[in-house]
Amino acid sequence: MREVDFLLTPSAPSPQVAGADVIFTAAGEGSSGYQYRFWQYDYAAATWTVVQDWSATATWTLAGTAPAGFYRIVADVKTNPASDVRDAFTFIDY
């Protein structure tokens, strides 16, 4: 596994009003060809969900129709598309 600098940024600060979409953008630094996977942890339901599986798409949208609550958004990054193993991850409590 190699070192990857990695950022996860929401399009708006928390909390947001009901109905507002929030776009999370992941950005690996220091290389190219990254693949990203996004997870959501719902504290109220105590459940993890893969909300976007591995792809080159570096954004995921928390829909404004999501129930109000406290979430942990996790982004994984990898450089080898053939692998299911992440090189790094980061998260935001939102």
PDB file of N, CA and C in Angstrom:
ATOM      1  N   MET A   1       0.845  -1.173   0.000  1.00  0.00           N
ATOM      2  CA  MET A   1       0.000   0.000   0.000  1.00  0.00           C
ATOM      3  C   MET A   1       0.889   1.234   0.000  1.00  0.00           C
ATOM      4  N   ARG A   2       0.537   2.212  -0.820  1.00  0.00           N
ATOM      5  CA  ARG A   2       1.331   3.427  -0.872  1.00  0.00           C
ATOM      6  C   ARG A   2       0.577   4.593  -0.258  1.00  0.00           C
ATOM      7  N   GLU A   3       1.310   5.598   0.111  1.00  0.00           N
ATOM      8  CA  GLU A   3       0.726   6.766   0.769  1.00  0.00           C
ATOM      9  C   GLU A   3      -0.060   7.599  -0.246  1.00  0.00           C
ATOM     10  N   VAL A   4      -1.269   7.968   0.120  1.00  0.00           N
ATOM     11  CA  VAL A   4      -2.114   8.816  -0.717  1.00  0.00           C
ATOM     12  C   VAL A   4      -2.643   9.944   0.146  1.00  0.00           C
ATOM     13  N   ASP A   5      -2.366  11.189  -0.241  1.00  0.00           N
ATOM     14  CA  ASP A   5      -3.000  12.328   0.418  1.00  0.00           C
ATOM     15  C   ASP A   5      -4.410  12.412  -0.129  1.00  0.00           C
ATOM     16  N   PHE A   6      -5.363  12.764   0.732  1.00  0.00           N
ATOM     17  CA  PHE A   6      -6.744  12.527   0.380  1.00  0.00           C
ATOM     18  C   PHE A   6      -7.650  13.489   1.126  1.00  0.00           C
ATOM     19  N   LEU A   7      -8.553  14.133   0.402  1.00  0.00           N
ATOM     20  CA  LEU A   7      -9.485  15.089   0.997  1.00  0.00           C
ATOM     21  C   LEU A   7     -10.922  14.686   0.689  1.00  0.00           C
ATOM     22  N   LEU A   8     -11.842  15.006   1.591  1.00  0.00           N
ATOM     23  CA  LEU A   8     -13.274  14.833   1.384  1.00  0.00           C
ATOM     24  C   LEU A   8     -13.944  16.125   1.812  1.00  0.00           C
ATOM     25  N   THR A   9     -14.666  16.746   0.879  1.00  0.00           N
ATOM     26  CA  THR A   9     -15.219  18.072   1.125  1.00  0.00           C
ATOM     27  C   THR A   9     -16.703  18.111   0.784  1.00  0.00           C
ATOM     28  N   PRO A  10     -17.564  18.607   1.701  1.00  0.00           N
ATOM     29  CA  PRO A  10     -18.984  18.783   1.380  1.00  0.00           C
ATOM     30  C   PRO A  10     -19.203  20.113   0.652  1.00  0.00           C
ATOM     31  N   SER A  11     -20.268  20.171  -0.149  1.00  0.00           N
ATOM     32  CA  SER A  11     -20.573  21.405  -0.890  1.00  0.00           C
ATOM     33  C   SER A  11     -21.174  22.487   0.003  1.00  0.00           C
ATOM     34  N   ALA A  12     -21.621  22.112   1.201  1.00  0.00           N
ATOM     35  CA  ALA A  12     -22.216  23.076   2.130  1.00  0.00           C
ATOM     36  C   ALA A  12     -21.952  22.598   3.551  1.00  0.00           C
ATOM     37  N   PRO A  13     -21.851  23.526   4.502  1.00  0.00           N
ATOM     38  CA  PRO A  13     -21.599  23.123   5.885  1.00  0.00           C
ATOM     39  C   PRO A  13     -22.830  22.453   6.501  1.00  0.00           C
ATOM     40  N   SER A  14     -22.597  21.691   7.541  1.00  0.00           N
ATOM     41  CA  SER A  14     -23.677  21.062   8.295  1.00  0.00           C
ATOM     42  C   SER A  14     -24.061  21.986   9.439  1.00  0.00           C
ATOM     43  N   PRO A  15     -25.319  22.062   9.812  1.00  0.00           N
ATOM     44  CA  PRO A  15     -26.479  21.352   9.255  1.00  0.00           C
ATOM     45  C   PRO A  15     -27.045  22.087   8.046  1.00  0.00           C
ATOM     46  N   GLN A  16     -27.821  21.372   7.252  1.00  0.00           N
ATOM     47  CA  GLN A  16     -28.506  21.938   6.094  1.00  0.00           C
ATOM     48  C   GLN A  16     -30.015  21.852   6.303  1.00  0.00           C
ATOM     49  N   VAL A  17     -30.732  22.716   5.609  1.00  0.00           N
ATOM     50  CA  VAL A  17     -32.193  22.686   5.699  1.00  0.00           C
ATOM     51  C   VAL A  17     -32.727  21.474   4.956  1.00  0.00           C
ATOM     52  N   ALA A  18     -33.876  20.986   5.366  1.00  0.00           N
ATOM     53  CA  ALA A  18     -34.498  19.847   4.689  1.00  0.00           C
ATOM     54  C   ALA A  18     -34.689  20.178   3.215  1.00  0.00           C
ATOM     55  N   GLY A  19     -34.409  19.203   2.372  1.00  0.00           N
ATOM     56  CA  GLY A  19     -34.588  19.371   0.936  1.00  0.00           C
ATOM     57  C   GLY A  19     -33.345  19.814   0.192  1.00  0.00           C
ATOM     58  N   ALA A  20     -32.270  20.141   0.904  1.00  0.00           N
ATOM     59  CA  ALA A  20     -31.043  20.599   0.251  1.00  0.00           C
ATOM     60  C   ALA A  20     -30.108  19.416  -0.011  1.00  0.00           C
ATOM     61  N   ASP A  21     -29.741  19.196  -1.278  1.00  0.00           N
ATOM     62  CA  ASP A  21     -28.743  18.183  -1.615  1.00  0.00           C
ATOM     63  C   ASP A  21     -27.371  18.661  -1.155  1.00  0.00           C
ATOM     64  N   VAL A  22     -26.524  17.728  -0.723  1.00  0.00           N
ATOM     65  CA  VAL A  22     -25.150  18.050  -0.353  1.00  0.00           C
ATOM     66  C   VAL A  22     -24.245  17.131  -1.164  1.00  0.00           C
ATOM     67  N   ILE A  23     -23.324  17.709  -1.907  1.00  0.00           N
ATOM     68  CA  ILE A  23     -22.400  16.941  -2.745  1.00  0.00           C
ATOM     69  C   ILE A  23     -21.075  16.814  -2.000  1.00  0.00           C
ATOM     70  N   PHE A  24     -20.610  15.562  -1.843  1.00  0.00           N
ATOM     71  CA  PHE A  24     -19.326  15.286  -1.222  1.00  0.00           C
ATOM     72  C   PHE A  24     -18.324  14.987  -2.328  1.00  0.00           C
ATOM     73  N   THR A  25     -17.181  15.669  -2.290  1.00  0.00           N
ATOM     74  CA  THR A  25     -16.153  15.499  -3.305  1.00  0.00           C
ATOM     75  C   THR A  25     -14.890  14.953  -2.660  1.00  0.00           C
ATOM     76  N   ALA A  26     -14.422  13.827  -3.203  1.00  0.00           N
ATOM     77  CA  ALA A  26     -13.172  13.213  -2.745  1.00  0.00           C
ATOM     78  C   ALA A  26     -12.073  13.607  -3.718  1.00  0.00           C
ATOM     79  N   ALA A  27     -10.889  13.816  -3.205  1.00  0.00           N
ATOM     80  CA  ALA A  27      -9.779  14.209  -4.070  1.00  0.00           C
ATOM     81  C   ALA A  27      -8.489  13.564  -3.584  1.00  0.00           C
ATOM     82  N   GLY A  28      -8.029  12.576  -4.326  1.00  0.00           N
ATOM     83  CA  GLY A  28      -6.711  12.009  -4.074  1.00  0.00           C
ATOM     84  C   GLY A  28      -5.666  12.928  -4.674  1.00  0.00           C
ATOM     85  N   GLU A  29      -4.533  13.052  -4.016  1.00  0.00           N
ATOM     86  CA  GLU A  29      -3.470  13.939  -4.496  1.00  0.00           C
ATOM     87  C   GLU A  29      -2.186  13.148  -4.659  1.00  0.00           C
ATOM     88  N   GLY A  30      -1.396  13.494  -5.658  1.00  0.00           N
ATOM     89  CA  GLY A  30      -0.081  12.892  -5.816  1.00  0.00           C
ATOM     90  C   GLY A  30      -0.006  11.835  -6.890  1.00  0.00           C
ATOM     91  N   SER A  31      -1.113  11.530  -7.543  1.00  0.00           N
ATOM     92  CA  SER A  31      -1.135  10.529  -8.604  1.00  0.00           C
ATOM     93  C   SER A  31      -2.339  10.826  -9.487  1.00  0.00           C
ATOM     94  N   SER A  32      -2.696   9.881 -10.324  1.00  0.00           N
ATOM     95  CA  SER A  32      -3.885  10.032 -11.155  1.00  0.00           C
ATOM     96  C   SER A  32      -4.542   8.669 -11.307  1.00  0.00           C
ATOM     97  N   GLY A  33      -5.705   8.640 -11.919  1.00  0.00           N
ATOM     98  CA  GLY A  33      -6.392   7.381 -12.150  1.00  0.00           C
ATOM     99  C   GLY A  33      -7.021   6.789 -10.909  1.00  0.00           C
ATOM    100  N   TYR A  34      -7.377   7.627  -9.948  1.00  0.00           N
ATOM    101  CA  TYR A  34      -7.977   7.132  -8.715  1.00  0.00           C
ATOM    102  C   TYR A  34      -9.363   6.546  -8.960  1.00  0.00           C
ATOM    103  N   GLN A  35      -9.726   5.610  -8.100  1.00  0.00           N
ATOM    104  CA  GLN A  35     -11.080   5.087  -8.011  1.00  0.00           C
ATOM    105  C   GLN A  35     -11.573   5.385  -6.604  1.00  0.00           C
ATOM    106  N   TYR A  36     -12.874   5.668  -6.502  1.00  0.00           N
ATOM    107  CA  TYR A  36     -13.458   6.075  -5.228  1.00  0.00           C
ATOM    108  C   TYR A  36     -14.657   5.196  -4.887  1.00  0.00           C
ATOM    109  N   ARG A  37     -14.881   5.013  -3.580  1.00  0.00           N
ATOM    110  CA  ARG A  37     -16.074   4.333  -3.068  1.00  0.00           C
ATOM    111  C   ARG A  37     -16.561   5.148  -1.874  1.00  0.00           C
ATOM    112  N   PHE A  38     -17.878   5.326  -1.781  1.00  0.00           N
ATOM    113  CA  PHE A  38     -18.467   6.121  -0.704  1.00  0.00           C
ATOM    114  C   PHE A  38     -19.370   5.252   0.161  1.00  0.00           C
ATOM    115  N   TRP A  39     -19.269   5.465   1.463  1.00  0.00           N
ATOM    116  CA  TRP A  39     -20.089   4.781   2.470  1.00  0.00           C
ATOM    117  C   TRP A  39     -20.846   5.834   3.256  1.00  0.00           C
ATOM    118  N   GLN A  40     -21.981   5.420   3.796  1.00  0.00           N
ATOM    119  CA  GLN A  40     -22.747   6.286   4.702  1.00  0.00           C
ATOM    120  C   GLN A  40     -23.080   5.483   5.948  1.00  0.00           C
ATOM    121  N   TYR A  41     -22.772   6.056   7.105  1.00  0.00           N
ATOM    122  CA  TYR A  41     -23.186   5.467   8.372  1.00  0.00           C
ATOM    123  C   TYR A  41     -24.300   6.326   8.937  1.00  0.00           C
ATOM    124  N   ASP A  42     -25.430   5.709   9.214  1.00  0.00           N
ATOM    125  CA  ASP A  42     -26.574   6.396   9.803  1.00  0.00           C
ATOM    126  C   ASP A  42     -26.543   6.111  11.302  1.00  0.00           C
ATOM    127  N   TYR A  43     -26.224   7.124  12.094  1.00  0.00           N
ATOM    128  CA  TYR A  43     -26.120   6.940  13.545  1.00  0.00           C
ATOM    129  C   TYR A  43     -27.444   6.510  14.164  1.00  0.00           C
ATOM    130  N   ALA A  44     -28.564   7.027  13.667  1.00  0.00           N
ATOM    131  CA  ALA A  44     -29.870   6.679  14.243  1.00  0.00           C
ATOM    132  C   ALA A  44     -30.200   5.210  14.026  1.00  0.00           C
ATOM    133  N   ALA A  45     -29.894   4.678  12.845  1.00  0.00           N
ATOM    134  CA  ALA A  45     -30.200   3.282  12.532  1.00  0.00           C
ATOM    135  C   ALA A  45     -29.031   2.347  12.834  1.00  0.00           C
ATOM    136  N   ALA A  46     -27.862   2.923  13.120  1.00  0.00           N
ATOM    137  CA  ALA A  46     -26.637   2.145  13.375  1.00  0.00           C
ATOM    138  C   ALA A  46     -26.337   1.194  12.217  1.00  0.00           C
ATOM    139  N   THR A  47     -26.397   1.737  10.984  1.00  0.00           N
ATOM    140  CA  THR A  47     -26.158   0.921   9.794  1.00  0.00           C
ATOM    141  C   THR A  47     -25.163   1.586   8.845  1.00  0.00           C
ATOM    142  N   TRP A  48     -24.329   0.749   8.221  1.00  0.00           N
ATOM    143  CA  TRP A  48     -23.411   1.169   7.161  1.00  0.00           C
ATOM    144  C   TRP A  48     -24.025   0.793   5.820  1.00  0.00           C
ATOM    145  N   THR A  49     -23.895   1.669   4.836  1.00  0.00           N
ATOM    146  CA  THR A  49     -24.377   1.402   3.487  1.00  0.00           C
ATOM    147  C   THR A  49     -23.343   1.898   2.490  1.00  0.00           C
ATOM    148  N   VAL A  50     -22.982   1.038   1.528  1.00  0.00           N
ATOM    149  CA  VAL A  50     -22.173   1.519   0.401  1.00  0.00           C
ATOM    150  C   VAL A  50     -23.132   2.289  -0.495  1.00  0.00           C
ATOM    151  N   VAL A  51     -22.928   3.591  -0.608  1.00  0.00           N
ATOM    152  CA  VAL A  51     -23.842   4.425  -1.386  1.00  0.00           C
ATOM    153  C   VAL A  51     -23.348   4.661  -2.802  1.00  0.00           C
ATOM    154  N   GLN A  52     -22.066   4.390  -3.040  1.00  0.00           N
ATOM    155  CA  GLN A  52     -21.507   4.440  -4.398  1.00  0.00           C
ATOM    156  C   GLN A  52     -20.302   3.519  -4.427  1.00  0.00           C
ATOM    157  N   ASP A  53     -20.383   2.457  -5.220  1.00  0.00           N
ATOM    158  CA  ASP A  53     -19.286   1.495  -5.285  1.00  0.00           C
ATOM    159  C   ASP A  53     -18.127   2.063  -6.096  1.00  0.00           C
ATOM    160  N   TRP A  54     -17.030   1.314  -6.167  1.00  0.00           N
ATOM    161  CA  TRP A  54     -15.812   1.771  -6.835  1.00  0.00           C
ATOM    162  C   TRP A  54     -16.103   2.310  -8.239  1.00  0.00           C
ATOM    163  N   SER A  55     -15.615   3.515  -8.493  1.00  0.00           N
ATOM    164  CA  SER A  55     -15.695   4.118  -9.824  1.00  0.00           C
ATOM    165  C   SER A  55     -14.723   5.290  -9.870  1.00  0.00           C
ATOM    166  N   ALA A  56     -14.562   5.854 -11.053  1.00  0.00           N
ATOM    167  CA  ALA A  56     -13.711   7.038 -11.209  1.00  0.00           C
ATOM    168  C   ALA A  56     -14.445   8.309 -10.789  1.00  0.00           C
ATOM    169  N   THR A  57     -15.728   8.196 -10.467  1.00  0.00           N
ATOM    170  CA  THR A  57     -16.521   9.351 -10.049  1.00  0.00           C
ATOM    171  C   THR A  57     -16.138   9.753  -8.633  1.00  0.00           C
ATOM    172  N   ALA A  58     -15.667  10.977  -8.500  1.00  0.00           N
ATOM    173  CA  ALA A  58     -15.133  11.456  -7.223  1.00  0.00           C
ATOM    174  C   ALA A  58     -16.161  12.210  -6.398  1.00  0.00           C
ATOM    175  N   THR A  59     -17.437  12.145  -6.793  1.00  0.00           N
ATOM    176  CA  THR A  59     -18.472  12.834  -6.035  1.00  0.00           C
ATOM    177  C   THR A  59     -19.612  11.881  -5.708  1.00  0.00           C
ATOM    178  N   TRP A  60     -20.276  12.183  -4.602  1.00  0.00           N
ATOM    179  CA  TRP A  60     -21.503  11.480  -4.216  1.00  0.00           C
ATOM    180  C   TRP A  60     -22.424  12.506  -3.579  1.00  0.00           C
ATOM    181  N   THR A  61     -23.736  12.377  -3.861  1.00  0.00           N
ATOM    182  CA  THR A  61     -24.711  13.351  -3.365  1.00  0.00           C
ATOM    183  C   THR A  61     -25.585  12.738  -2.287  1.00  0.00           C
ATOM    184  N   LEU A  62     -25.607  13.393  -1.134  1.00  0.00           N
ATOM    185  CA  LEU A  62     -26.561  13.079  -0.076  1.00  0.00           C
ATOM    186  C   LEU A  62     -27.825  13.841  -0.441  1.00  0.00           C
ATOM    187  N   ALA A  63     -28.849  13.110  -0.841  1.00  0.00           N
ATOM    188  CA  ALA A  63     -30.080  13.735  -1.337  1.00  0.00           C
ATOM    189  C   ALA A  63     -30.794  14.519  -0.254  1.00  0.00           C
ATOM    190  N   GLY A  64     -31.390  15.615  -0.659  1.00  0.00           N
ATOM    191  CA  GLY A  64     -32.164  16.433   0.266  1.00  0.00           C
ATOM    192  C   GLY A  64     -33.370  15.706   0.828  1.00  0.00           C
ATOM    193  N   THR A  65     -33.725  14.580   0.227  1.00  0.00           N
ATOM    194  CA  THR A  65     -34.846  13.778   0.725  1.00  0.00           C
ATOM    195  C   THR A  65     -34.426  12.812   1.826  1.00  0.00           C
ATOM    196  N   ALA A  66     -33.130  12.752   2.145  1.00  0.00           N
ATOM    197  CA  ALA A  66     -32.650  11.877   3.224  1.00  0.00           C
ATOM    198  C   ALA A  66     -33.254  12.343   4.552  1.00  0.00           C
ATOM    199  N   PRO A  67     -33.566  11.398   5.431  1.00  0.00           N
ATOM    200  CA  PRO A  67     -34.106  11.804   6.736  1.00  0.00           C
ATOM    201  C   PRO A  67     -33.118  12.701   7.489  1.00  0.00           C
ATOM    202  N   ALA A  68     -33.646  13.650   8.216  1.00  0.00           N
ATOM    203  CA  ALA A  68     -32.787  14.497   9.039  1.00  0.00           C
ATOM    204  C   ALA A  68     -32.055  13.610  10.032  1.00  0.00           C
ATOM    205  N   GLY A  69     -30.800  13.919  10.267  1.00  0.00           N
ATOM    206  CA  GLY A  69     -30.041  13.114  11.206  1.00  0.00           C
ATOM    207  C   GLY A  69     -28.560  13.398  11.120  1.00  0.00           C
ATOM    208  N   PHE A  70     -27.794  12.557  11.801  1.00  0.00           N
ATOM    209  CA  PHE A  70     -26.344  12.685  11.880  1.00  0.00           C
ATOM    210  C   PHE A  70     -25.742  11.504  11.129  1.00  0.00           C
ATOM    211  N   TYR A  71     -24.879  11.796  10.170  1.00  0.00           N
ATOM    212  CA  TYR A  71     -24.296  10.765   9.314  1.00  0.00           C
ATOM    213  C   TYR A  71     -22.774  10.850   9.326  1.00  0.00           C
ATOM    214  N   ARG A  72     -22.124   9.721   9.127  1.00  0.00           N
ATOM    215  CA  ARG A  72     -20.694   9.693   8.838  1.00  0.00           C
ATOM    216  C   ARG A  72     -20.569   9.299   7.372  1.00  0.00           C
ATOM    217  N   ILE A  73     -19.898  10.142   6.589  1.00  0.00           N
ATOM    218  CA  ILE A  73     -19.645   9.864   5.175  1.00  0.00           C
ATOM    219  C   ILE A  73     -18.178   9.477   5.058  1.00  0.00           C
ATOM    220  N   VAL A  74     -17.933   8.297   4.478  1.00  0.00           N
ATOM    221  CA  VAL A  74     -16.576   7.774   4.312  1.00  0.00           C
ATOM    222  C   VAL A  74     -16.281   7.657   2.835  1.00  0.00           C
ATOM    223  N   ALA A  75     -15.100   8.078   2.439  1.00  0.00           N
ATOM    224  CA  ALA A  75     -14.640   7.894   1.065  1.00  0.00           C
ATOM    225  C   ALA A  75     -13.370   7.062   1.096  1.00  0.00           C
ATOM    226  N   ASP A  76     -13.365   5.995   0.294  1.00  0.00           N
ATOM    227  CA  ASP A  76     -12.176   5.168   0.083  1.00  0.00           C
ATOM    228  C   ASP A  76     -11.558   5.579  -1.240  1.00  0.00           C
ATOM    229  N   VAL A  77     -10.241   5.425  -1.357  1.00  0.00           N
ATOM    230  CA  VAL A  77      -9.563   5.688  -2.622  1.00  0.00           C
ATOM    231  C   VAL A  77      -8.588   4.549  -2.894  1.00  0.00           C
ATOM    232  N   LYS A  78      -8.453   4.214  -4.173  1.00  0.00           N
ATOM    233  CA  LYS A  78      -7.465   3.211  -4.580  1.00  0.00           C
ATOM    234  C   LYS A  78      -6.917   3.612  -5.944  1.00  0.00           C
ATOM    235  N   THR A  79      -5.740   3.081  -6.262  1.00  0.00           N
ATOM    236  CA  THR A  79      -5.119   3.375  -7.551  1.00  0.00           C
ATOM    237  C   THR A  79      -5.134   2.178  -8.488  1.00  0.00           C
ATOM    238  N   ASN A  80      -5.370   0.980  -7.957  1.00  0.00           N
ATOM    239  CA  ASN A  80      -5.390  -0.232  -8.771  1.00  0.00           C
ATOM    240  C   ASN A  80      -6.834  -0.642  -9.016  1.00  0.00           C
ATOM    241  N   PRO A  81      -7.369  -0.449 -10.229  1.00  0.00           N
ATOM    242  CA  PRO A  81      -8.768  -0.775 -10.488  1.00  0.00           C
ATOM    243  C   PRO A  81      -9.095  -2.259 -10.327  1.00  0.00           C
ATOM    244  N   ALA A  82      -8.108  -3.141 -10.418  1.00  0.00           N
ATOM    245  CA  ALA A  82      -8.333  -4.578 -10.303  1.00  0.00           C
ATOM    246  C   ALA A  82      -8.433  -5.042  -8.853  1.00  0.00           C
ATOM    247  N   SER A  83      -8.100  -4.175  -7.921  1.00  0.00           N
ATOM    248  CA  SER A  83      -8.085  -4.536  -6.504  1.00  0.00           C
ATOM    249  C   SER A  83      -9.364  -4.051  -5.812  1.00  0.00           C
ATOM    250  N   ASP A  84      -9.802  -4.777  -4.793  1.00  0.00           N
ATOM    251  CA  ASP A  84     -10.894  -4.313  -3.951  1.00  0.00           C
ATOM    252  C   ASP A  84     -10.376  -3.709  -2.650  1.00  0.00           C
ATOM    253  N   VAL A  85      -9.062  -3.559  -2.551  1.00  0.00           N
ATOM    254  CA  VAL A  85      -8.429  -3.038  -1.342  1.00  0.00           C
ATOM    255  C   VAL A  85      -8.169  -1.546  -1.510  1.00  0.00           C
ATOM    256  N   ARG A  86      -8.609  -0.768  -0.538  1.00  0.00           N
ATOM    257  CA  ARG A  86      -8.383   0.673  -0.602  1.00  0.00           C
ATOM    258  C   ARG A  86      -6.941   1.013  -0.255  1.00  0.00           C
ATOM    259  N   ASP A  87      -6.460   2.111  -0.815  1.00  0.00           N
ATOM    260  CA  ASP A  87      -5.140   2.627  -0.468  1.00  0.00           C
ATOM    261  C   ASP A  87      -5.229   3.568   0.728  1.00  0.00           C
ATOM    262  N   ALA A  88      -6.367   4.247   0.838  1.00  0.00           N
ATOM    263  CA  ALA A  88      -6.560   5.205   1.930  1.00  0.00           C
ATOM    264  C   ALA A  88      -8.054   5.469   2.073  1.00  0.00           C
ATOM    265  N   PHE A  89      -8.423   6.072   3.195  1.00  0.00           N
ATOM    266  CA  PHE A  89      -9.805   6.502   3.391  1.00  0.00           C
ATOM    267  C   PHE A  89      -9.803   7.748   4.248  1.00  0.00           C
ATOM    268  N   THR A  90     -10.919   8.465   4.201  1.00  0.00           N
ATOM    269  CA  THR A  90     -11.142   9.596   5.072  1.00  0.00           C
ATOM    270  C   THR A  90     -12.646   9.694   5.323  1.00  0.00           C
ATOM    271  N   PHE A  91     -13.028  10.490   6.314  1.00  0.00           N
ATOM    272  CA  PHE A  91     -14.458  10.598   6.613  1.00  0.00           C
ATOM    273  C   PHE A  91     -14.796  11.974   7.146  1.00  0.00           C
ATOM    274  N   ILE A  92     -16.102  12.261   7.090  1.00  0.00           N
ATOM    275  CA  ILE A  92     -16.662  13.491   7.642  1.00  0.00           C
ATOM    276  C   ILE A  92     -17.920  13.104   8.413  1.00  0.00           C
ATOM    277  N   ASP A  93     -18.079  13.616   9.614  1.00  0.00           N
ATOM    278  CA  ASP A  93     -19.345  13.500  10.328  1.00  0.00           C
ATOM    279  C   ASP A  93     -20.189  14.680   9.904  1.00  0.00           C
ATOM    280  N   TYR A  94     -21.384  14.400   9.462  1.00  0.00           N
ATOM    281  CA  TYR A  94     -22.222  15.437   8.876  1.00  0.00           C
ATOM    282  C   TYR A  94     -23.620  15.343   9.434  1.00  0.00           C
TER     283      TYR A  94
END
